[in-house]
PDB file of N, CA and C in Angstrom:
ATOM      1  N   MET A   1      78.931 -84.628  -8.495  1.00  0.00           N
ATOM      2  CA  MET A   1      79.791 -83.748  -7.747  1.00  0.00           C
ATOM      3  C   MET A   1      80.841 -84.586  -7.032  1.00  0.00           C
ATOM      4  N   GLN A   2      82.069 -84.114  -7.070  1.00  0.00           N
ATOM      5  CA  GLN A   2      83.147 -84.758  -6.326  1.00  0.00           C
ATOM      6  C   GLN A   2      83.813 -83.704  -5.451  1.00  0.00           C
ATOM      7  N   ARG A   3      84.284 -84.141  -4.309  1.00  0.00           N
ATOM      8  CA  ARG A   3      85.019 -83.251  -3.413  1.00  0.00           C
ATOM      9  C   ARG A   3      86.245 -84.013  -2.946  1.00  0.00           C
ATOM     10  N   THR A   4      87.403 -83.383  -3.064  1.00  0.00           N
ATOM     11  CA  THR A   4      88.660 -84.030  -2.713  1.00  0.00           C
ATOM     12  C   THR A   4      89.525 -83.066  -1.927  1.00  0.00           C
ATOM     13  N   LYS A   5      90.136 -83.554  -0.888  1.00  0.00           N
ATOM     14  CA  LYS A   5      91.092 -82.747  -0.130  1.00  0.00           C
ATOM     15  C   LYS A   5      92.447 -82.827  -0.833  1.00  0.00           C
ATOM     16  N   VAL A   6      93.050 -81.678  -1.070  1.00  0.00           N
ATOM     17  CA  VAL A   6      94.360 -81.631  -1.724  1.00  0.00           C
ATOM     18  C   VAL A   6      95.430 -81.814  -0.655  1.00  0.00           C
ATOM     19  N   VAL A   7      96.150 -82.929  -0.752  1.00  0.00           N
ATOM     20  CA  VAL A   7      97.226 -83.248   0.182  1.00  0.00           C
ATOM     21  C   VAL A   7      98.485 -83.482  -0.638  1.00  0.00           C
ATOM     22  N   TYR A   8      99.537 -82.772  -0.273  1.00  0.00           N
ATOM     23  CA  TYR A   8     100.799 -82.888  -1.007  1.00  0.00           C
ATOM     24  C   TYR A   8     101.694 -83.921  -0.348  1.00  0.00           C
ATOM     25  N   ASN A   9     101.544 -85.172  -0.797  1.00  0.00           N
ATOM     26  CA  ASN A   9     102.444 -86.233  -0.364  1.00  0.00           C
ATOM     27  C   ASN A   9     103.659 -86.201  -1.274  1.00  0.00           C
ATOM     28  N   ASN A  10     104.580 -87.100  -1.083  1.00  0.00           N
ATOM     29  CA  ASN A  10     105.750 -87.156  -1.956  1.00  0.00           C
ATOM     30  C   ASN A  10     105.384 -87.688  -3.324  1.00  0.00           C
ATOM     31  N   ALA A  11     106.107 -87.272  -4.328  1.00  0.00           N
ATOM     32  CA  ALA A  11     105.999 -87.753  -5.708  1.00  0.00           C
ATOM     33  C   ALA A  11     104.758 -87.240  -6.428  1.00  0.00           C
ATOM     34  N   PHE A  12     104.071 -88.129  -7.159  1.00  0.00           N
ATOM     35  CA  PHE A  12     102.952 -87.774  -8.027  1.00  0.00           C
ATOM     36  C   PHE A  12     101.750 -88.619  -7.655  1.00  0.00           C
ATOM     37  N   ASP A  13     100.575 -87.981  -7.586  1.00  0.00           N
ATOM     38  CA  ASP A  13      99.379 -88.713  -7.208  1.00  0.00           C
ATOM     39  C   ASP A  13      98.160 -88.108  -7.897  1.00  0.00           C
ATOM     40  N   VAL A  14      97.445 -88.924  -8.677  1.00  0.00           N
ATOM     41  CA  VAL A  14      96.169 -88.499  -9.243  1.00  0.00           C
ATOM     42  C   VAL A  14      95.160 -88.516  -8.098  1.00  0.00           C
ATOM     43  N   ILE A  15      94.525 -87.372  -7.828  1.00  0.00           N
ATOM     44  CA  ILE A  15      93.661 -87.278  -6.660  1.00  0.00           C
ATOM     45  C   ILE A  15      92.167 -87.264  -6.982  1.00  0.00           C
ATOM     46  N   SER A  16      91.798 -86.953  -8.227  1.00  0.00           N
ATOM     47  CA  SER A  16      90.390 -86.915  -8.574  1.00  0.00           C
ATOM     48  C   SER A  16      90.242 -86.825 -10.086  1.00  0.00           C
ATOM     49  N   GLY A  17      89.041 -87.150 -10.558  1.00  0.00           N
ATOM     50  CA  GLY A  17      88.794 -86.992 -11.984  1.00  0.00           C
ATOM     51  C   GLY A  17      87.505 -87.641 -12.419  1.00  0.00           C
ATOM     52  N   ASN A  18      87.176 -87.414 -13.680  1.00  0.00           N
ATOM     53  CA  ASN A  18      86.034 -88.055 -14.314  1.00  0.00           C
ATOM     54  C   ASN A  18      86.420 -88.340 -15.765  1.00  0.00           C
ATOM     55  N   ALA A  19      85.471 -88.594 -16.612  1.00  0.00           N
ATOM     56  CA  ALA A  19      85.776 -88.948 -18.003  1.00  0.00           C
ATOM     57  C   ALA A  19      86.322 -87.764 -18.800  1.00  0.00           C
ATOM     58  N   ARG A  20      86.147 -86.521 -18.303  1.00  0.00           N
ATOM     59  CA  ARG A  20      86.541 -85.344 -19.064  1.00  0.00           C
ATOM     60  C   ARG A  20      87.766 -84.606 -18.531  1.00  0.00           C
ATOM     61  N   SER A  21      88.129 -84.824 -17.265  1.00  0.00           N
ATOM     62  CA  SER A  21      89.255 -84.099 -16.680  1.00  0.00           C
ATOM     63  C   SER A  21      89.824 -84.868 -15.494  1.00  0.00           C
ATOM     64  N   GLN A  22      90.968 -84.389 -15.019  1.00  0.00           N
ATOM     65  CA  GLN A  22      91.673 -85.118 -13.967  1.00  0.00           C
ATOM     66  C   GLN A  22      92.531 -84.131 -13.178  1.00  0.00           C
ATOM     67  N   ALA A  23      92.655 -84.355 -11.873  1.00  0.00           N
ATOM     68  CA  ALA A  23      93.508 -83.532 -11.016  1.00  0.00           C
ATOM     69  C   ALA A  23      94.569 -84.404 -10.370  1.00  0.00           C
ATOM     70  N   ALA A  24      95.774 -83.840 -10.231  1.00  0.00           N
ATOM     71  CA  ALA A  24      96.883 -84.564  -9.613  1.00  0.00           C
ATOM     72  C   ALA A  24      97.760 -83.578  -8.842  1.00  0.00           C
ATOM     73  N   VAL A  25      98.443 -84.092  -7.834  1.00  0.00           N
ATOM     74  CA  VAL A  25      99.439 -83.302  -7.118  1.00  0.00           C
ATOM     75  C   VAL A  25     100.815 -83.882  -7.412  1.00  0.00           C
ATOM     76  N   MET A  26     101.817 -82.998  -7.376  1.00  0.00           N
ATOM     77  CA  MET A  26     103.194 -83.430  -7.584  1.00  0.00           C
ATOM     78  C   MET A  26     104.065 -82.693  -6.580  1.00  0.00           C
ATOM     79  N   VAL A  27     104.987 -83.425  -5.972  1.00  0.00           N
ATOM     80  CA  VAL A  27     105.967 -82.843  -5.060  1.00  0.00           C
ATOM     81  C   VAL A  27     107.349 -83.253  -5.547  1.00  0.00           C
ATOM     82  N   LEU A  28     108.171 -82.236  -5.859  1.00  0.00           N
ATOM     83  CA  LEU A  28     109.548 -82.493  -6.293  1.00  0.00           C
ATOM     84  C   LEU A  28     110.506 -81.974  -5.220  1.00  0.00           C
ATOM     85  N   PRO A  29     111.348 -82.840  -4.666  1.00  0.00           N
ATOM     86  CA  PRO A  29     112.354 -82.388  -3.708  1.00  0.00           C
ATOM     87  C   PRO A  29     113.372 -81.463  -4.394  1.00  0.00           C
ATOM     88  N   PRO A  30     114.100 -80.660  -3.630  1.00  0.00           N
ATOM     89  CA  PRO A  30     115.119 -79.791  -4.217  1.00  0.00           C
ATOM     90  C   PRO A  30     116.079 -80.569  -5.122  1.00  0.00           C
ATOM     91  N   GLY A  31     116.332 -80.014  -6.302  1.00  0.00           N
ATOM     92  CA  GLY A  31     117.248 -80.619  -7.256  1.00  0.00           C
ATOM     93  C   GLY A  31     116.644 -81.680  -8.152  1.00  0.00           C
ATOM     94  N   GLU A  32     115.412 -82.108  -7.878  1.00  0.00           N
ATOM     95  CA  GLU A  32     114.770 -83.173  -8.665  1.00  0.00           C
ATOM     96  C   GLU A  32     114.004 -82.600  -9.855  1.00  0.00           C
ATOM     97  N   SER A  33     113.791 -83.469 -10.868  1.00  0.00           N
ATOM     98  CA  SER A  33     113.055 -83.098 -12.076  1.00  0.00           C
ATOM     99  C   SER A  33     112.043 -84.166 -12.417  1.00  0.00           C
ATOM    100  N   GLU A  34     111.031 -83.770 -13.183  1.00  0.00           N
ATOM    101  CA  GLU A  34     110.002 -84.677 -13.688  1.00  0.00           C
ATOM    102  C   GLU A  34     109.801 -84.352 -15.158  1.00  0.00           C
ATOM    103  N   GLY A  35     109.663 -85.379 -15.971  1.00  0.00           N
ATOM    104  CA  GLY A  35     109.460 -85.171 -17.405  1.00  0.00           C
ATOM    105  C   GLY A  35     110.768 -85.308 -18.156  1.00  0.00           C
ATOM    106  N   GLY A  36     110.859 -84.634 -19.291  1.00  0.00           N
ATOM    107  CA  GLY A  36     112.068 -84.684 -20.095  1.00  0.00           C
ATOM    108  C   GLY A  36     111.747 -84.754 -21.569  1.00  0.00           C
ATOM    109  N   LYS A  37     112.681 -85.272 -22.338  1.00  0.00           N
ATOM    110  CA  LYS A  37     112.593 -85.257 -23.797  1.00  0.00           C
ATOM    111  C   LYS A  37     111.441 -86.061 -24.379  1.00  0.00           C
ATOM    112  N   VAL A  38     110.871 -86.978 -23.613  1.00  0.00           N
ATOM    113  CA  VAL A  38     109.757 -87.784 -24.132  1.00  0.00           C
ATOM    114  C   VAL A  38     108.440 -87.480 -23.408  1.00  0.00           C
ATOM    115  N   ASN A  39     108.437 -86.463 -22.539  1.00  0.00           N
ATOM    116  CA  ASN A  39     107.229 -86.124 -21.777  1.00  0.00           C
ATOM    117  C   ASN A  39     106.455 -85.030 -22.507  1.00  0.00           C
ATOM    118  N   GLY A  40     105.426 -85.430 -23.221  1.00  0.00           N
ATOM    119  CA  GLY A  40     104.576 -84.482 -23.937  1.00  0.00           C
ATOM    120  C   GLY A  40     103.210 -85.094 -24.098  1.00  0.00           C
ATOM    121  N   HIS A  41     102.381 -85.021 -23.090  1.00  0.00           N
ATOM    122  CA  HIS A  41     101.079 -85.686 -23.090  1.00  0.00           C
ATOM    123  C   HIS A  41     100.430 -85.577 -24.463  1.00  0.00           C
ATOM    124  N   LYS A  42     100.230 -86.720 -25.097  1.00  0.00           N
ATOM    125  CA  LYS A  42      99.762 -86.766 -26.481  1.00  0.00           C
ATOM    126  C   LYS A  42      98.335 -86.291 -26.641  1.00  0.00           C
ATOM    127  N   GLY A  43      97.494 -86.535 -25.644  1.00  0.00           N
ATOM    128  CA  GLY A  43      96.095 -86.222 -25.813  1.00  0.00           C
ATOM    129  C   GLY A  43      95.510 -85.271 -24.798  1.00  0.00           C
ATOM    130  N   ALA A  44      96.326 -84.684 -23.914  1.00  0.00           N
ATOM    131  CA  ALA A  44      95.774 -83.848 -22.845  1.00  0.00           C
ATOM    132  C   ALA A  44      96.568 -82.561 -22.678  1.00  0.00           C
ATOM    133  N   ASP A  45      95.833 -81.466 -22.439  1.00  0.00           N
ATOM    134  CA  ASP A  45      96.459 -80.231 -21.991  1.00  0.00           C
ATOM    135  C   ASP A  45      96.688 -80.365 -20.482  1.00  0.00           C
ATOM    136  N   GLN A  46      97.737 -79.730 -19.980  1.00  0.00           N
ATOM    137  CA  GLN A  46      98.048 -79.767 -18.551  1.00  0.00           C
ATOM    138  C   GLN A  46      98.111 -78.343 -18.011  1.00  0.00           C
ATOM    139  N   TRP A  47      97.269 -78.061 -17.034  1.00  0.00           N
ATOM    140  CA  TRP A  47      97.377 -76.820 -16.274  1.00  0.00           C
ATOM    141  C   TRP A  47      98.185 -77.139 -15.028  1.00  0.00           C
ATOM    142  N   LEU A  48      99.247 -76.381 -14.770  1.00  0.00           N
ATOM    143  CA  LEU A  48     100.118 -76.601 -13.624  1.00  0.00           C
ATOM    144  C   LEU A  48     100.084 -75.343 -12.761  1.00  0.00           C
ATOM    145  N   TYR A  49      99.673 -75.499 -11.494  1.00  0.00           N
ATOM    146  CA  TYR A  49      99.634 -74.385 -10.544  1.00  0.00           C
ATOM    147  C   TYR A  49     100.657 -74.655  -9.446  1.00  0.00           C
ATOM    148  N   VAL A  50     101.526 -73.683  -9.188  1.00  0.00           N
ATOM    149  CA  VAL A  50     102.547 -73.833  -8.152  1.00  0.00           C
ATOM    150  C   VAL A  50     101.974 -73.363  -6.818  1.00  0.00           C
ATOM    151  N   ALA A  51     101.814 -74.310  -5.890  1.00  0.00           N
ATOM    152  CA  ALA A  51     101.294 -74.009  -4.565  1.00  0.00           C
ATOM    153  C   ALA A  51     102.402 -73.594  -3.603  1.00  0.00           C
ATOM    154  N   ALA A  52     103.613 -74.133  -3.802  1.00  0.00           N
ATOM    155  CA  ALA A  52     104.742 -73.805  -2.928  1.00  0.00           C
ATOM    156  C   ALA A  52     106.042 -74.138  -3.646  1.00  0.00           C
ATOM    157  N   GLY A  53     107.098 -73.416  -3.280  1.00  0.00           N
ATOM    158  CA  GLY A  53     108.415 -73.679  -3.849  1.00  0.00           C
ATOM    159  C   GLY A  53     108.679 -72.876  -5.106  1.00  0.00           C
ATOM    160  N   ARG A  54     109.791 -73.230  -5.740  1.00  0.00           N
ATOM    161  CA  ARG A  54     110.152 -72.563  -6.990  1.00  0.00           C
ATOM    162  C   ARG A  54     110.854 -73.551  -7.899  1.00  0.00           C
ATOM    163  N   GLY A  55     110.875 -73.217  -9.177  1.00  0.00           N
ATOM    164  CA  GLY A  55     111.508 -74.114 -10.131  1.00  0.00           C
ATOM    165  C   GLY A  55     111.558 -73.505 -11.511  1.00  0.00           C
ATOM    166  N   VAL A  56     111.831 -74.379 -12.475  1.00  0.00           N
ATOM    167  CA  VAL A  56     111.915 -73.985 -13.874  1.00  0.00           C
ATOM    168  C   VAL A  56     111.169 -75.019 -14.700  1.00  0.00           C
ATOM    169  N   ALA A  57     110.306 -74.539 -15.591  1.00  0.00           N
ATOM    170  CA  ALA A  57     109.639 -75.407 -16.559  1.00  0.00           C
ATOM    171  C   ALA A  57     110.329 -75.205 -17.888  1.00  0.00           C
ATOM    172  N   THR A  58     110.761 -76.292 -18.513  1.00  0.00           N
ATOM    173  CA  THR A  58     111.317 -76.220 -19.855  1.00  0.00           C
ATOM    174  C   THR A  58     110.271 -76.811 -20.787  1.00  0.00           C
ATOM    175  N   ILE A  59     109.737 -75.965 -21.670  1.00  0.00           N
ATOM    176  CA  ILE A  59     108.672 -76.370 -22.579  1.00  0.00           C
ATOM    177  C   ILE A  59     109.146 -76.140 -24.000  1.00  0.00           C
ATOM    178  N   ASP A  60     109.228 -77.226 -24.762  1.00  0.00           N
ATOM    179  CA  ASP A  60     109.736 -77.174 -26.135  1.00  0.00           C
ATOM    180  C   ASP A  60     111.048 -76.390 -26.204  1.00  0.00           C
ATOM    181  N   GLY A  61     111.929 -76.630 -25.214  1.00  0.00           N
ATOM    182  CA  GLY A  61     113.264 -76.039 -25.201  1.00  0.00           C
ATOM    183  C   GLY A  61     113.360 -74.652 -24.593  1.00  0.00           C
ATOM    184  N   LYS A  62     112.250 -74.017 -24.260  1.00  0.00           N
ATOM    185  CA  LYS A  62     112.270 -72.674 -23.686  1.00  0.00           C
ATOM    186  C   LYS A  62     112.014 -72.752 -22.185  1.00  0.00           C
ATOM    187  N   LYS A  63     112.830 -72.025 -21.406  1.00  0.00           N
ATOM    188  CA  LYS A  63     112.735 -72.067 -19.945  1.00  0.00           C
ATOM    189  C   LYS A  63     111.780 -70.982 -19.427  1.00  0.00           C
ATOM    190  N   HIS A  64     110.977 -71.381 -18.396  1.00  0.00           N
ATOM    191  CA  HIS A  64     110.027 -70.476 -17.759  1.00  0.00           C
ATOM    192  C   HIS A  64     110.165 -70.628 -16.253  1.00  0.00           C
ATOM    193  N   LYS A  65     110.355 -69.515 -15.539  1.00  0.00           N
ATOM    194  CA  LYS A  65     110.478 -69.556 -14.084  1.00  0.00           C
ATOM    195  C   LYS A  65     109.136 -69.903 -13.455  1.00  0.00           C
ATOM    196  N   LEU A  66     109.197 -70.689 -12.386  1.00  0.00           N
ATOM    197  CA  LEU A  66     108.020 -71.067 -11.620  1.00  0.00           C
ATOM    198  C   LEU A  66     108.187 -70.592 -10.188  1.00  0.00           C
ATOM    199  N   GLY A  67     107.150 -70.014  -9.640  1.00  0.00           N
ATOM    200  CA  GLY A  67     107.137 -69.600  -8.241  1.00  0.00           C
ATOM    201  C   GLY A  67     105.730 -69.730  -7.699  1.00  0.00           C
ATOM    202  N   ARG A  68     105.600 -69.608  -6.407  1.00  0.00           N
ATOM    203  CA  ARG A  68     104.293 -69.733  -5.764  1.00  0.00           C
ATOM    204  C   ARG A  68     103.288 -68.817  -6.460  1.00  0.00           C
ATOM    205  N   GLY A  69     102.140 -69.386  -6.841  1.00  0.00           N
ATOM    206  CA  GLY A  69     101.099 -68.631  -7.505  1.00  0.00           C
ATOM    207  C   GLY A  69     101.152 -68.676  -9.023  1.00  0.00           C
ATOM    208  N   THR A  70     102.196 -69.243  -9.597  1.00  0.00           N
ATOM    209  CA  THR A  70     102.302 -69.347 -11.056  1.00  0.00           C
ATOM    210  C   THR A  70     101.288 -70.359 -11.582  1.00  0.00           C
ATOM    211  N   LEU A  71     100.598 -69.990 -12.649  1.00  0.00           N
ATOM    212  CA  LEU A  71      99.701 -70.898 -13.360  1.00  0.00           C
ATOM    213  C   LEU A  71     100.213 -71.011 -14.782  1.00  0.00           C
ATOM    214  N   LEU A  72     100.456 -72.231 -15.222  1.00  0.00           N
ATOM    215  CA  LEU A  72     101.078 -72.494 -16.515  1.00  0.00           C
ATOM    216  C   LEU A  72     100.227 -73.472 -17.298  1.00  0.00           C
ATOM    217  N   LEU A  73      99.985 -73.170 -18.567  1.00  0.00           N
ATOM    218  CA  LEU A  73      99.297 -74.105 -19.452  1.00  0.00           C
ATOM    219  C   LEU A  73     100.329 -74.771 -20.341  1.00  0.00           C
ATOM    220  N   ILE A  74     100.397 -76.090 -20.266  1.00  0.00           N
ATOM    221  CA  ILE A  74     101.260 -76.893 -21.131  1.00  0.00           C
ATOM    222  C   ILE A  74     100.317 -77.621 -22.081  1.00  0.00           C
ATOM    223  N   GLU A  75     100.339 -77.228 -23.350  1.00  0.00           N
ATOM    224  CA  GLU A  75      99.401 -77.801 -24.310  1.00  0.00           C
ATOM    225  C   GLU A  75      99.833 -79.201 -24.739  1.00  0.00           C
ATOM    226  N   HIS A  76      98.827 -80.026 -25.096  1.00  0.00           N
ATOM    227  CA  HIS A  76      99.125 -81.416 -25.453  1.00  0.00           C
ATOM    228  C   HIS A  76     100.192 -81.447 -26.553  1.00  0.00           C
ATOM    229  N   GLY A  77     101.111 -82.373 -26.392  1.00  0.00           N
ATOM    230  CA  GLY A  77     102.197 -82.532 -27.351  1.00  0.00           C
ATOM    231  C   GLY A  77     103.420 -81.690 -27.068  1.00  0.00           C
ATOM    232  N   GLU A  78     103.313 -80.647 -26.226  1.00  0.00           N
ATOM    233  CA  GLU A  78     104.497 -79.843 -25.908  1.00  0.00           C
ATOM    234  C   GLU A  78     105.401 -80.656 -24.982  1.00  0.00           C
ATOM    235  N   VAL A  79     106.640 -80.848 -25.401  1.00  0.00           N
ATOM    236  CA  VAL A  79     107.606 -81.603 -24.604  1.00  0.00           C
ATOM    237  C   VAL A  79     108.012 -80.727 -23.426  1.00  0.00           C
ATOM    238  N   HIS A  80     107.957 -81.305 -22.215  1.00  0.00           N
ATOM    239  CA  HIS A  80     108.214 -80.480 -21.041  1.00  0.00           C
ATOM    240  C   HIS A  80     108.904 -81.240 -19.910  1.00  0.00           C
ATOM    241  N   GLU A  81     109.590 -80.446 -19.108  1.00  0.00           N
ATOM    242  CA  GLU A  81     110.255 -80.939 -17.903  1.00  0.00           C
ATOM    243  C   GLU A  81     110.066 -79.887 -16.818  1.00  0.00           C
ATOM    244  N   ILE A  82     109.780 -80.335 -15.610  1.00  0.00           N
ATOM    245  CA  ILE A  82     109.653 -79.455 -14.451  1.00  0.00           C
ATOM    246  C   ILE A  82     110.819 -79.768 -13.519  1.00  0.00           C
ATOM    247  N   HIS A  83     111.560 -78.732 -13.121  1.00  0.00           N
ATOM    248  CA  HIS A  83     112.747 -78.905 -12.280  1.00  0.00           C
ATOM    249  C   HIS A  83     112.634 -78.006 -11.047  1.00  0.00           C
ATOM    250  N   ASN A  84     112.924 -78.574  -9.888  1.00  0.00           N
ATOM    251  CA  ASN A  84     112.970 -77.805  -8.648  1.00  0.00           C
ATOM    252  C   ASN A  84     114.378 -77.261  -8.469  1.00  0.00           C
ATOM    253  N   ASP A  85     114.532 -75.946  -8.654  1.00  0.00           N
ATOM    254  CA  ASP A  85     115.852 -75.338  -8.468  1.00  0.00           C
ATOM    255  C   ASP A  85     115.925 -74.574  -7.141  1.00  0.00           C
ATOM    256  N   GLY A  86     114.948 -74.808  -6.257  1.00  0.00           N
ATOM    257  CA  GLY A  86     114.930 -74.147  -4.958  1.00  0.00           C
ATOM    258  C   GLY A  86     115.479 -75.024  -3.854  1.00  0.00           C
ATOM    259  N   SER A  87     115.336 -74.534  -2.618  1.00  0.00           N
ATOM    260  CA  SER A  87     115.842 -75.272  -1.454  1.00  0.00           C
ATOM    261  C   SER A  87     114.723 -75.927  -0.646  1.00  0.00           C
ATOM    262  N   HIS A  88     113.489 -75.811  -1.118  1.00  0.00           N
ATOM    263  CA  HIS A  88     112.322 -76.422  -0.474  1.00  0.00           C
ATOM    264  C   HIS A  88     111.565 -77.239  -1.513  1.00  0.00           C
ATOM    265  N   PRO A  89     110.694 -78.156  -1.091  1.00  0.00           N
ATOM    266  CA  PRO A  89     109.910 -78.930  -2.059  1.00  0.00           C
ATOM    267  C   PRO A  89     109.081 -78.023  -2.980  1.00  0.00           C
ATOM    268  N   LEU A  90     109.012 -78.390  -4.240  1.00  0.00           N
ATOM    269  CA  LEU A  90     108.160 -77.733  -5.227  1.00  0.00           C
ATOM    270  C   LEU A  90     106.857 -78.518  -5.260  1.00  0.00           C
ATOM    271  N   LYS A  91     105.739 -77.847  -4.902  1.00  0.00           N
ATOM    272  CA  LYS A  91     104.436 -78.516  -4.809  1.00  0.00           C
ATOM    273  C   LYS A  91     103.523 -77.922  -5.876  1.00  0.00           C
ATOM    274  N   THR A  92     102.985 -78.796  -6.737  1.00  0.00           N
ATOM    275  CA  THR A  92     102.102 -78.320  -7.797  1.00  0.00           C
ATOM    276  C   THR A  92     100.779 -79.071  -7.785  1.00  0.00           C
ATOM    277  N   LEU A  93      99.745 -78.361  -8.217  1.00  0.00           N
ATOM    278  CA  LEU A  93      98.435 -78.938  -8.457  1.00  0.00           C
ATOM    279  C   LEU A  93      98.241 -78.899  -9.957  1.00  0.00           C
ATOM    280  N   ASN A  94      97.921 -80.048 -10.554  1.00  0.00           N
ATOM    281  CA  ASN A  94      97.865 -80.185 -12.006  1.00  0.00           C
ATOM    282  C   ASN A  94      96.488 -80.653 -12.448  1.00  0.00           C
ATOM    283  N   PHE A  95      96.013 -80.068 -13.534  1.00  0.00           N
ATOM    284  CA  PHE A  95      94.745 -80.482 -14.130  1.00  0.00           C
ATOM    285  C   PHE A  95      95.005 -80.927 -15.556  1.00  0.00           C
ATOM    286  N   TYR A  96      94.451 -82.066 -15.929  1.00  0.00           N
ATOM    287  CA  TYR A  96      94.625 -82.630 -17.271  1.00  0.00           C
ATOM    288  C   TYR A  96      93.258 -82.699 -17.946  1.00  0.00           C
ATOM    289  N   VAL A  97      93.182 -82.151 -19.163  1.00  0.00           N
ATOM    290  CA  VAL A  97      91.938 -82.131 -19.926  1.00  0.00           C
ATOM    291  C   VAL A  97      92.228 -82.599 -21.344  1.00  0.00           C
ATOM    292  N   PRO A  98      91.712 -83.755 -21.772  1.00  0.00           N
ATOM    293  CA  PRO A  98      91.047 -84.793 -20.995  1.00  0.00           C
ATOM    294  C   PRO A  98      92.056 -85.508 -20.081  1.00  0.00           C
ATOM    295  N   PRO A  99      91.622 -86.510 -19.312  1.00  0.00           N
ATOM    296  CA  PRO A  99      92.548 -87.207 -18.419  1.00  0.00           C
ATOM    297  C   PRO A  99      93.788 -87.721 -19.160  1.00  0.00           C
ATOM    298  N   ALA A 100      94.914 -87.673 -18.460  1.00  0.00           N
ATOM    299  CA  ALA A 100      96.181 -88.111 -19.048  1.00  0.00           C
ATOM    300  C   ALA A 100      96.680 -89.431 -18.479  1.00  0.00           C
ATOM    301  N   TYR A 101      96.115 -89.877 -17.356  1.00  0.00           N
ATOM    302  CA  TYR A 101      96.618 -91.075 -16.684  1.00  0.00           C
ATOM    303  C   TYR A 101      95.480 -92.032 -16.367  1.00  0.00           C
ATOM    304  N   ASN A 102      95.797 -93.343 -16.379  1.00  0.00           N
ATOM    305  CA  ASN A 102      94.812 -94.340 -15.965  1.00  0.00           C
ATOM    306  C   ASN A 102      94.900 -94.538 -14.451  1.00  0.00           C
ATOM    307  N   SER A 103      94.161 -95.474 -13.920  1.00  0.00           N
ATOM    308  CA  SER A 103      94.120 -95.682 -12.463  1.00  0.00           C
ATOM    309  C   SER A 103      95.452 -96.137 -11.883  1.00  0.00           C
ATOM    310  N   ASP A 104      96.337 -96.683 -12.721  1.00  0.00           N
ATOM    311  CA  ASP A 104      97.675 -97.081 -12.264  1.00  0.00           C
ATOM    312  C   ASP A 104      98.685 -95.959 -12.435  1.00  0.00           C
ATOM    313  N   GLU A 105      98.203 -94.762 -12.844  1.00  0.00           N
ATOM    314  CA  GLU A 105      99.024 -93.582 -13.094  1.00  0.00           C
ATOM    315  C   GLU A 105      99.998 -93.789 -14.242  1.00  0.00           C
ATOM    316  N   ASP A 106      99.622 -94.678 -15.183  1.00  0.00           N
ATOM    317  CA  ASP A 106     100.344 -94.824 -16.434  1.00  0.00           C
ATOM    318  C   ASP A 106      99.732 -93.845 -17.428  1.00  0.00           C
ATOM    319  N   GLU A 107     100.572 -93.194 -18.255  1.00  0.00           N
ATOM    320  CA  GLU A 107     100.049 -92.239 -19.212  1.00  0.00           C
ATOM    321  C   GLU A 107      99.149 -92.924 -20.233  1.00  0.00           C
ATOM    322  N   LEU A 108      98.030 -92.286 -20.537  1.00  0.00           N
ATOM    323  CA  LEU A 108      97.107 -92.814 -21.522  1.00  0.00           C
ATOM    324  C   LEU A 108      97.589 -92.492 -22.935  1.00  0.00           C
ATOM    325  N   PRO A 109      97.240 -93.355 -23.908  1.00  0.00           N
ATOM    326  CA  PRO A 109      97.562 -93.026 -25.304  1.00  0.00           C
ATOM    327  C   PRO A 109      96.786 -91.788 -25.748  1.00  0.00           C
ATOM    328  N   ALA A 110      97.226 -91.150 -26.797  1.00  0.00           N
ATOM    329  CA  ALA A 110      96.582 -89.930 -27.298  1.00  0.00           C
ATOM    330  C   ALA A 110      95.087 -90.151 -27.531  1.00  0.00           C
ATOM    331  N   GLY A 111      94.300 -89.231 -26.987  1.00  0.00           N
ATOM    332  CA  GLY A 111      92.875 -89.242 -27.243  1.00  0.00           C
ATOM    333  C   GLY A 111      92.076 -90.331 -26.560  1.00  0.00           C
ATOM    334  N   LYS A 112      92.679 -91.099 -25.668  1.00  0.00           N
ATOM    335  CA  LYS A 112      91.963 -92.176 -24.978  1.00  0.00           C
ATOM    336  C   LYS A 112      91.655 -91.753 -23.553  1.00  0.00           C
ATOM    337  N   SER A 113      90.488 -92.135 -23.077  1.00  0.00           N
ATOM    338  CA  SER A 113      90.152 -91.835 -21.670  1.00  0.00           C
ATOM    339  C   SER A 113      89.511 -93.061 -21.039  1.00  0.00           C
TER     340      SER A 113
END
């Protein structure tokens, strides 16, 4: 059993995980983006929950509005970018199955944990 307090600091932070899954928080200031044309986790699905703020997720070229309470599944390999188009920080809680990042928060190769 693990218990972790969710704290939204600036940027991206892996906050908990095990060999099968991983949790991270992300904070994007207004006008900022994360991801892009090469961001498509090769070996992990990503669940993204919007805790605060608003934005736009572009997944495989299609735009999806994000707002507080939105839960989005980004499947492994889908190229994606998250953009804060609001006037307040966009705060998300993300789950990766299997883990997508190592302890240095570098993306793992496909299928490796």
